[in-house]
Amino acid sequence: MPRDDTNPKNETSRLTAKFQATIPASVRRALKLNKGDRIVFTIRGKEVLLQRATALDLEFAKAVSDTLTEWSSPADERAYADL
């Protein structure tokens, strides 16, 4: 989808106690996201770019998954069990 920098649109979402946020419907439509889809966050200084994950993103995540121990708690397993 081409970027329209001439007419940017801001959306907001609230963080839960577990630091989770709902992706606004307009963002889901723009990225053509569906339940269970994977997303990737690219951090650039104080900005974060949210994109639909590509096959390459998923392969990279799989390759480094053993190093991401902060996401391997029983609570995380329950939270993401249905994905």
Protein backbone atom coordinates (compact mmCIF):
# COMPACT_ATOMS: atom_id res chain seq x y z
CA MET A 1 0.00 0.00 0.00
CA PRO A 2 1.52 3.37 -0.94
CA ARG A 3 2.37 5.69 1.88
CA ASP A 4 0.36 8.89 2.12
CA ASP A 5 2.61 11.25 4.10
CA THR A 6 0.55 14.24 3.01
CA ASN A 7 -2.46 13.20 5.08
CA PRO A 8 -1.25 11.31 8.17
CA LYS A 9 -3.84 9.85 10.53
CA ASN A 10 -3.19 9.23 14.22
CA GLU A 11 -4.93 6.51 16.21
CA THR A 12 -4.65 5.76 19.91
CA SER A 13 -5.02 2.70 22.08
CA ARG A 14 -4.82 2.15 25.84
CA LEU A 15 -2.33 -0.21 27.50
CA THR A 16 -3.72 -2.86 29.82
CA ALA A 17 -2.11 -3.85 33.12
CA LYS A 18 -0.13 -6.45 31.11
CA PHE A 19 1.04 -3.75 28.65
CA GLN A 20 -1.17 -5.09 25.87
CA ALA A 21 -2.98 -2.82 23.43
CA THR A 22 -5.76 -3.24 20.89
CA ILE A 23 -4.81 -2.36 17.33
CA PRO A 24 -7.43 0.14 16.11
CA ALA A 25 -9.74 -1.05 13.32
CA SER A 26 -8.41 1.54 10.84
CA VAL A 27 -4.86 0.24 11.39
CA ARG A 28 -6.01 -3.38 11.02
CA ARG A 29 -7.71 -2.46 7.74
CA ALA A 30 -4.69 -0.54 6.46
CA LEU A 31 -2.38 -3.51 7.17
CA LYS A 32 -5.02 -6.10 6.18
CA LEU A 33 -4.60 -7.83 9.55
CA ASN A 34 -6.72 -10.75 10.69
CA LYS A 35 -6.91 -12.72 13.93
CA GLY A 36 -3.75 -14.74 14.44
CA ASP A 37 -1.64 -12.66 12.03
CA ARG A 38 1.84 -11.75 13.18
CA ILE A 39 3.13 -8.20 13.36
CA VAL A 40 6.63 -6.78 13.62
CA PHE A 41 7.80 -3.67 15.48
CA THR A 42 10.79 -1.75 14.09
CA ILE A 43 12.31 0.65 16.61
CA ARG A 44 13.90 3.78 15.15
CA GLY A 45 15.03 6.03 17.98
CA LYS A 46 11.87 7.26 19.69
CA GLU A 47 9.57 6.04 16.90
CA VAL A 48 8.21 2.55 16.33
CA LEU A 49 7.01 1.27 12.98
CA LEU A 50 4.29 -1.40 13.05
CA GLN A 51 4.01 -3.71 10.04
CA ARG A 52 2.44 -7.01 9.07
CA ALA A 53 5.13 -9.67 9.53
CA THR A 54 6.61 -11.17 6.38
CA ALA A 55 7.91 -14.74 5.99
CA LEU A 56 11.44 -13.39 6.52
CA ASP A 57 10.37 -11.71 9.78
CA LEU A 58 8.91 -14.99 11.01
CA GLU A 59 12.07 -16.96 10.12
CA PHE A 60 14.21 -14.41 11.98
CA ALA A 61 11.94 -14.60 15.04
CA LYS A 62 12.15 -18.39 14.99
CA ALA A 63 15.95 -18.25 14.77
CA VAL A 64 16.28 -15.98 17.82
CA SER A 65 13.36 -17.32 19.88
CA ASP A 66 15.63 -19.08 22.41
CA THR A 67 17.16 -15.72 23.30
CA LEU A 68 13.79 -14.12 24.13
CA THR A 69 13.29 -15.59 27.57
CA GLU A 70 11.24 -12.64 28.82
CA TRP A 71 8.37 -13.92 26.65
CA SER A 72 8.41 -17.51 27.88
CA SER A 73 6.45 -17.36 31.11
CA PRO A 74 3.42 -19.56 31.85
CA ALA A 75 1.23 -16.42 31.67
CA ASP A 76 2.50 -15.72 28.14
CA GLU A 77 1.84 -19.31 27.11
CA ARG A 78 -1.78 -19.00 28.30
CA ALA A 79 -2.24 -15.58 26.70
CA TYR A 80 -1.05 -16.72 23.27
CA ALA A 81 -2.28 -20.33 23.34
CA ASP A 82 -5.07 -19.73 20.82
CA LEU A 83 -2.92 -17.97 18.20
